[in-house]
C-alpha atoms as a PDB file:
ATOM      1  CA  MET A   1      -9.103 -44.702  -3.011  1.00  0.00           C
ATOM      2  CA  GLU A   2      -9.382 -46.297   0.422  1.00  0.00           C
ATOM      3  CA  GLU A   3     -13.077 -45.517   0.540  1.00  0.00           C
ATOM      4  CA  PHE A   4     -13.596 -47.148  -2.869  1.00  0.00           C
ATOM      5  CA  LEU A   5     -11.772 -50.278  -1.723  1.00  0.00           C
ATOM      6  CA  LEU A   6     -13.845 -50.504   1.460  1.00  0.00           C
ATOM      7  CA  ASN A   7     -17.168 -49.879  -0.309  1.00  0.00           C
ATOM      8  CA  HIS A   8     -16.509 -52.370  -3.114  1.00  0.00           C
ATOM      9  CA  LYS A   9     -14.542 -55.053  -1.283  1.00  0.00           C
ATOM     10  CA  ASP A  10     -16.965 -57.868  -2.218  1.00  0.00           C
ATOM     11  CA  GLU A  11     -17.059 -56.854  -5.885  1.00  0.00           C
ATOM     12  CA  LEU A  12     -13.267 -56.664  -6.065  1.00  0.00           C
ATOM     13  CA  ILE A  13     -12.852 -60.096  -4.469  1.00  0.00           C
ATOM     14  CA  SER A  14     -15.459 -61.585  -6.810  1.00  0.00           C
ATOM     15  CA  THR A  15     -13.736 -59.972  -9.789  1.00  0.00           C
ATOM     16  CA  LEU A  16     -10.406 -61.473  -8.747  1.00  0.00           C
ATOM     17  CA  ILE A  17     -12.031 -64.896  -8.370  1.00  0.00           C
ATOM     18  CA  VAL A  18     -13.632 -64.682 -11.844  1.00  0.00           C
ATOM     19  CA  PHE A  19     -10.340 -63.484 -13.336  1.00  0.00           C
ATOM     20  CA  ALA A  20      -8.406 -66.338 -11.678  1.00  0.00           C
ATOM     21  CA  LEU A  21     -11.049 -68.826 -12.835  1.00  0.00           C
ATOM     22  CA  LEU A  22     -10.776 -67.403 -16.353  1.00  0.00           C
ATOM     23  CA  LEU A  23      -7.012 -67.925 -16.375  1.00  0.00           C
ATOM     24  CA  ILE A  24      -7.299 -71.466 -15.003  1.00  0.00           C
ATOM     25  CA  LEU A  25      -9.989 -72.441 -17.547  1.00  0.00           C
ATOM     26  CA  LYS A  26      -8.042 -70.854 -20.397  1.00  0.00           C
ATOM     27  CA  PHE A  27      -4.934 -72.789 -19.385  1.00  0.00           C
ATOM     28  CA  ALA A  28      -6.861 -76.076 -19.009  1.00  0.00           C
ATOM     29  CA  PHE A  29      -8.782 -75.750 -22.290  1.00  0.00           C
ATOM     30  CA  THR A  30      -5.671 -74.650 -24.177  1.00  0.00           C
ATOM     31  CA  LYS A  31      -3.741 -77.615 -22.844  1.00  0.00           C
ATOM     32  CA  ALA A  32      -6.615 -79.970 -23.748  1.00  0.00           C
ATOM     33  CA  ALA A  33      -6.863 -78.555 -27.298  1.00  0.00           C
ATOM     34  CA  LYS A  34      -3.105 -78.910 -27.778  1.00  0.00           C
ATOM     35  CA  LYS A  35      -3.249 -82.481 -26.503  1.00  0.00           C
ATOM     36  CA  VAL A  36      -6.109 -83.329 -28.889  1.00  0.00           C
ATOM     37  CA  GLY A  37      -4.151 -81.672 -31.708  1.00  0.00           C
ATOM     38  CA  LYS A  38      -1.040 -83.664 -30.886  1.00  0.00           C
ATOM     39  CA  ILE A  39      -2.875 -86.977 -30.501  1.00  0.00           C
ATOM     40  CA  GLY A  40      -4.811 -86.392 -33.722  1.00  0.00           C
ATOM     41  CA  ASP A  41      -1.677 -85.201 -35.553  1.00  0.00           C
ATOM     42  CA  PHE A  42      -3.468 -81.984 -36.538  1.00  0.00           C
ATOM     43  CA  ASN A  43      -1.825 -79.030 -38.182  1.00  0.00           C
ATOM     44  CA  PRO A  44      -0.648 -76.557 -35.470  1.00  0.00           C
ATOM     45  CA  VAL A  45      -2.421 -73.726 -37.294  1.00  0.00           C
ATOM     46  CA  ARG A  46      -5.748 -75.534 -36.811  1.00  0.00           C
ATOM     47  CA  THR A  47      -4.975 -76.104 -33.143  1.00  0.00           C
ATOM     48  CA  ASN A  48      -4.167 -72.420 -32.639  1.00  0.00           C
ATOM     49  CA  LEU A  49      -7.432 -71.455 -34.339  1.00  0.00           C
ATOM     50  CA  ILE A  50      -9.430 -73.587 -31.895  1.00  0.00           C
ATOM     51  CA  ILE A  51      -7.472 -72.082 -28.997  1.00  0.00           C
ATOM     52  CA  LYS A  52      -8.461 -68.631 -30.257  1.00  0.00           C
ATOM     53  CA  TYR A  53     -12.137 -69.682 -30.322  1.00  0.00           C
ATOM     54  CA  ILE A  54     -11.847 -70.962 -26.764  1.00  0.00           C
ATOM     55  CA  SER A  55     -10.266 -67.687 -25.612  1.00  0.00           C
ATOM     56  CA  ILE A  56     -13.012 -65.624 -27.216  1.00  0.00           C
ATOM     57  CA  ALA A  57     -15.757 -67.743 -25.652  1.00  0.00           C
ATOM     58  CA  LEU A  58     -14.164 -67.581 -22.190  1.00  0.00           C
ATOM     59  CA  THR A  59     -13.702 -63.812 -22.495  1.00  0.00           C
ATOM     60  CA  ILE A  60     -17.381 -63.339 -23.334  1.00  0.00           C
ATOM     61  CA  VAL A  61     -18.383 -65.467 -20.340  1.00  0.00           C
ATOM     62  CA  ALA A  62     -16.014 -63.523 -18.074  1.00  0.00           C
ATOM     63  CA  LEU A  63     -17.401 -60.185 -19.290  1.00  0.00           C
ATOM     64  CA  ALA A  64     -20.900 -61.421 -18.509  1.00  0.00           C
ATOM     65  CA  GLY A  65     -19.692 -62.400 -15.039  1.00  0.00           C
ATOM     66  CA  PHE A  66     -18.068 -59.012 -14.466  1.00  0.00           C
ATOM     67  CA  THR A  67     -21.266 -57.307 -15.553  1.00  0.00           C
ATOM     68  CA  LEU A  68     -23.255 -59.244 -12.965  1.00  0.00           C
ATOM     69  CA  ILE A  69     -20.672 -58.672 -10.234  1.00  0.00           C
ATOM     70  CA  TRP A  70     -20.527 -54.926 -10.698  1.00  0.00           C
ATOM     71  CA  GLY A  71     -24.203 -54.285 -10.230  1.00  0.00           C
ATOM     72  CA  VAL A  72     -26.339 -54.824 -13.245  1.00  0.00           C
ATOM     73  CA  ASN A  73     -29.852 -54.903 -11.886  1.00  0.00           C
ATOM     74  CA  TYR A  74     -31.467 -58.294 -12.523  1.00  0.00           C
ATOM     75  CA  LYS A  75     -34.634 -56.604 -13.777  1.00  0.00           C
ATOM     76  CA  ASP A  76     -32.595 -54.616 -16.277  1.00  0.00           C
ATOM     77  CA  LEU A  77     -30.569 -57.685 -17.181  1.00  0.00           C
ATOM     78  CA  GLY A  78     -33.581 -59.285 -18.870  1.00  0.00           C
ATOM     79  CA  VAL A  79     -34.067 -56.230 -21.061  1.00  0.00           C
ATOM     80  CA  LEU A  80     -30.353 -56.082 -21.818  1.00  0.00           C
ATOM     81  CA  LEU A  81     -30.095 -59.769 -22.722  1.00  0.00           C
ATOM     82  CA  SER A  82     -33.238 -59.767 -24.852  1.00  0.00           C
ATOM     83  CA  SER A  83     -31.961 -56.745 -26.762  1.00  0.00           C
ATOM     84  CA  VAL A  84     -28.529 -58.266 -27.240  1.00  0.00           C
ATOM     85  CA  PHE A  85     -29.944 -61.629 -28.329  1.00  0.00           C
ATOM     86  CA  ALA A  86     -32.353 -59.927 -30.735  1.00  0.00           C
ATOM     87  CA  VAL A  87     -29.479 -58.104 -32.417  1.00  0.00           C
ATOM     88  CA  ILE A  88     -27.289 -61.219 -32.406  1.00  0.00           C
ATOM     89  CA  GLY A  89     -30.168 -63.313 -33.738  1.00  0.00           C
ATOM     90  CA  VAL A  90     -30.751 -60.962 -36.663  1.00  0.00           C
ATOM     91  CA  ALA A  91     -27.019 -60.798 -37.380  1.00  0.00           C
ATOM     92  CA  LEU A  92     -26.612 -64.575 -37.202  1.00  0.00           C
ATOM     93  CA  PHE A  93     -29.669 -65.163 -39.367  1.00  0.00           C
ATOM     94  CA  ALA A  94     -28.171 -62.829 -41.943  1.00  0.00           C
ATOM     95  CA  GLN A  95     -24.840 -64.623 -41.676  1.00  0.00           C
ATOM     96  CA  TRP A  96     -26.006 -68.185 -41.035  1.00  0.00           C
ATOM     97  CA  SER A  97     -23.664 -69.679 -43.613  1.00  0.00           C
ATOM     98  CA  ILE A  98     -20.642 -68.066 -41.984  1.00  0.00           C
ATOM     99  CA  LEU A  99     -21.727 -69.348 -38.586  1.00  0.00           C
ATOM    100  CA  SER A 100     -22.403 -72.852 -39.927  1.00  0.00           C
ATOM    101  CA  ASN A 101     -18.983 -72.950 -41.612  1.00  0.00           C
ATOM    102  CA  LEU A 102     -17.301 -71.764 -38.416  1.00  0.00           C
ATOM    103  CA  THR A 103     -19.148 -74.369 -36.344  1.00  0.00           C
ATOM    104  CA  ALA A 104     -18.316 -77.036 -38.913  1.00  0.00           C
ATOM    105  CA  GLY A 105     -14.663 -75.951 -38.694  1.00  0.00           C
ATOM    106  CA  VAL A 106     -14.667 -76.659 -34.950  1.00  0.00           C
ATOM    107  CA  ILE A 107     -16.394 -80.024 -35.488  1.00  0.00           C
ATOM    108  CA  ILE A 108     -13.908 -80.919 -38.206  1.00  0.00           C
ATOM    109  CA  PHE A 109     -11.030 -80.108 -35.864  1.00  0.00           C
ATOM    110  CA  PHE A 110     -12.211 -82.516 -33.193  1.00  0.00           C
ATOM    111  CA  SER A 111     -13.769 -85.336 -35.207  1.00  0.00           C
ATOM    112  CA  PHE A 112     -12.792 -85.134 -38.885  1.00  0.00           C
ATOM    113  CA  PRO A 113     -11.237 -88.483 -39.861  1.00  0.00           C
ATOM    114  CA  PHE A 114      -9.116 -86.939 -42.648  1.00  0.00           C
ATOM    115  CA  LYS A 115      -5.909 -84.958 -42.402  1.00  0.00           C
ATOM    116  CA  ILE A 116      -3.917 -82.628 -44.607  1.00  0.00           C
ATOM    117  CA  GLY A 117      -2.308 -84.636 -47.398  1.00  0.00           C
ATOM    118  CA  ASN A 118      -5.020 -87.308 -47.583  1.00  0.00           C
ATOM    119  CA  THR A 119      -6.629 -88.075 -50.928  1.00  0.00           C
ATOM    120  CA  ILE A 120     -10.432 -88.030 -50.802  1.00  0.00           C
ATOM    121  CA  LYS A 121     -13.439 -88.199 -53.071  1.00  0.00           C
ATOM    122  CA  ILE A 122     -16.469 -86.033 -52.240  1.00  0.00           C
ATOM    123  CA  LEU A 123     -19.814 -87.547 -53.211  1.00  0.00           C
ATOM    124  CA  ASP A 124     -21.320 -84.307 -54.506  1.00  0.00           C
ATOM    125  CA  LYS A 125     -23.082 -84.284 -57.862  1.00  0.00           C
ATOM    126  CA  GLU A 126     -22.065 -80.643 -58.403  1.00  0.00           C
ATOM    127  CA  LEU A 127     -18.398 -81.674 -58.335  1.00  0.00           C
ATOM    128  CA  LEU A 128     -18.809 -84.350 -61.013  1.00  0.00           C
ATOM    129  CA  ASP A 129     -16.540 -83.914 -63.995  1.00  0.00           C
ATOM    130  CA  PRO A 130     -18.012 -85.173 -67.314  1.00  0.00           C
ATOM    131  CA  GLU A 131     -14.584 -86.517 -68.252  1.00  0.00           C
ATOM    132  CA  GLN A 132     -14.409 -88.597 -65.057  1.00  0.00           C
ATOM    133  CA  PRO A 133     -17.817 -90.237 -64.526  1.00  0.00           C
ATOM    134  CA  GLN A 134     -16.696 -91.993 -61.340  1.00  0.00           C
ATOM    135  CA  GLY A 135     -15.787 -88.740 -59.650  1.00  0.00           C
ATOM    136  CA  GLU A 136     -12.631 -86.785 -59.165  1.00  0.00           C
ATOM    137  CA  THR A 137     -10.262 -87.270 -56.277  1.00  0.00           C
ATOM    138  CA  PHE A 138      -8.860 -84.374 -54.282  1.00  0.00           C
ATOM    139  CA  THR A 139      -5.829 -83.979 -52.048  1.00  0.00           C
ATOM    140  CA  ILE A 140      -6.478 -81.967 -48.881  1.00  0.00           C
ATOM    141  CA  GLU A 141      -4.046 -79.054 -48.993  1.00  0.00           C
ATOM    142  CA  ASP A 142      -5.267 -77.112 -45.949  1.00  0.00           C
ATOM    143  CA  ILE A 143      -8.132 -77.045 -43.460  1.00  0.00           C
ATOM    144  CA  LYS A 144      -9.183 -73.512 -42.531  1.00  0.00           C
ATOM    145  CA  ALA A 145     -11.854 -72.174 -40.170  1.00  0.00           C
ATOM    146  CA  PHE A 146     -14.434 -71.732 -42.935  1.00  0.00           C
ATOM    147  CA  HIS A 147     -13.313 -73.980 -45.796  1.00  0.00           C
ATOM    148  CA  LEU A 148     -10.987 -76.700 -47.075  1.00  0.00           C
ATOM    149  CA  HIS A 149      -8.399 -76.206 -49.794  1.00  0.00           C
ATOM    150  CA  LEU A 150      -8.543 -79.240 -52.082  1.00  0.00           C
ATOM    151  CA  ARG A 151      -6.115 -79.868 -54.945  1.00  0.00           C
ATOM    152  CA  LYS A 152      -7.677 -81.426 -58.023  1.00  0.00           C
ATOM    153  CA  THR A 153      -5.799 -84.053 -60.011  1.00  0.00           C
ATOM    154  CA  ASN A 154      -5.102 -81.429 -62.702  1.00  0.00           C
ATOM    155  CA  GLY A 155      -3.412 -79.166 -60.124  1.00  0.00           C
ATOM    156  CA  GLU A 156      -6.216 -76.639 -59.571  1.00  0.00           C
ATOM    157  CA  ILE A 157      -7.097 -75.620 -56.019  1.00  0.00           C
ATOM    158  CA  LEU A 158     -10.761 -75.929 -55.007  1.00  0.00           C
ATOM    159  CA  THR A 159     -12.112 -74.086 -51.971  1.00  0.00           C
ATOM    160  CA  TYR A 160     -14.873 -76.204 -50.427  1.00  0.00           C
ATOM    161  CA  PRO A 161     -17.018 -74.988 -47.478  1.00  0.00           C
ATOM    162  CA  ASN A 162     -16.680 -76.860 -44.193  1.00  0.00           C
ATOM    163  CA  ASN A 163     -20.429 -77.260 -43.723  1.00  0.00           C
ATOM    164  CA  MET A 164     -20.686 -79.007 -47.101  1.00  0.00           C
ATOM    165  CA  VAL A 165     -17.976 -81.495 -46.099  1.00  0.00           C
ATOM    166  CA  LEU A 166     -20.132 -82.512 -43.141  1.00  0.00           C
ATOM    167  CA  GLN A 167     -23.275 -82.751 -45.288  1.00  0.00           C
ATOM    168  CA  LYS A 168     -21.838 -84.748 -48.198  1.00  0.00           C
ATOM    169  CA  GLY A 169     -20.342 -88.194 -48.205  1.00  0.00           C
ATOM    170  CA  VAL A 170     -16.541 -88.247 -48.233  1.00  0.00           C
ATOM    171  CA  VAL A 171     -14.519 -91.312 -49.213  1.00  0.00           C
ATOM    172  CA  LEU A 172     -10.922 -91.669 -48.031  1.00  0.00           C
ATOM    173  CA  ILE A 173      -8.808 -92.900 -50.952  1.00  0.00           C
ATOM    174  CA  SER A 174      -5.337 -92.777 -49.404  1.00  0.00           C
ATOM    175  CA  THR A 175      -3.626 -91.237 -46.392  1.00  0.00           C
ATOM    176  CA  TYR A 176      -0.901 -88.606 -46.497  1.00  0.00           C
ATOM    177  CA  ASP A 177       1.777 -91.265 -45.988  1.00  0.00           C
ATOM    178  CA  GLY A 178       0.722 -93.064 -49.188  1.00  0.00           C
ATOM    179  CA  GLN A 179      -1.270 -95.904 -47.635  1.00  0.00           C
ATOM    180  CA  VAL A 180      -4.099 -96.834 -50.021  1.00  0.00           C
ATOM    181  CA  ILE A 181      -7.366 -97.262 -48.127  1.00  0.00           C
ATOM    182  CA  SER A 182      -9.723 -98.471 -50.861  1.00  0.00           C
ATOM    183  CA  ASN A 183      -9.820 -99.069 -54.564  1.00  0.00           C
ATOM    184  CA  VAL A 184     -12.639 -96.681 -55.372  1.00  0.00           C
ATOM    185  CA  GLY A 185     -13.823 -96.862 -58.959  1.00  0.00           C
ATOM    186  CA  GLU A 186     -12.321-100.236 -59.824  1.00  0.00           C
ATOM    187  CA  ALA A 187     -14.720-102.830 -61.208  1.00  0.00           C
END
């Protein structure tokens, strides 16, 4: 054991530094996400989801750092990374909609101007109801990682993908506290 410690002293110290840096960054990013969630009055479930994403990303970066510290040859690293990125690229191309919804979920967390309980109208011709030519309004029930739960005026729940919310126009009708923002549809 003593021989191992003497032979790998630099690697062990570097590993401890990366691990300490990982803990510090995780703490700082978690605190920042919670602060953004509190300032933006976001649902705690959404905040915890973003914290999970941050933890996963930091863990992947730390594993890459550990791999470099413990002796991956730089010549072999190029082959390893190209192989990994080729597999990831094929997987992400096959699952691009899942990735785009997940990315949109993160964007919605940080910059979406609507909150749970708000009444909105989505300017999407596929959502048009023939009985309501000016468009139906929806109440935001929940904001998940991949989709929104929207309650129609007739009580039905609609699951709408996050990436479509960012691509389509969304009109805020009223906030969750009952404040009317605009009189959409009135002549």
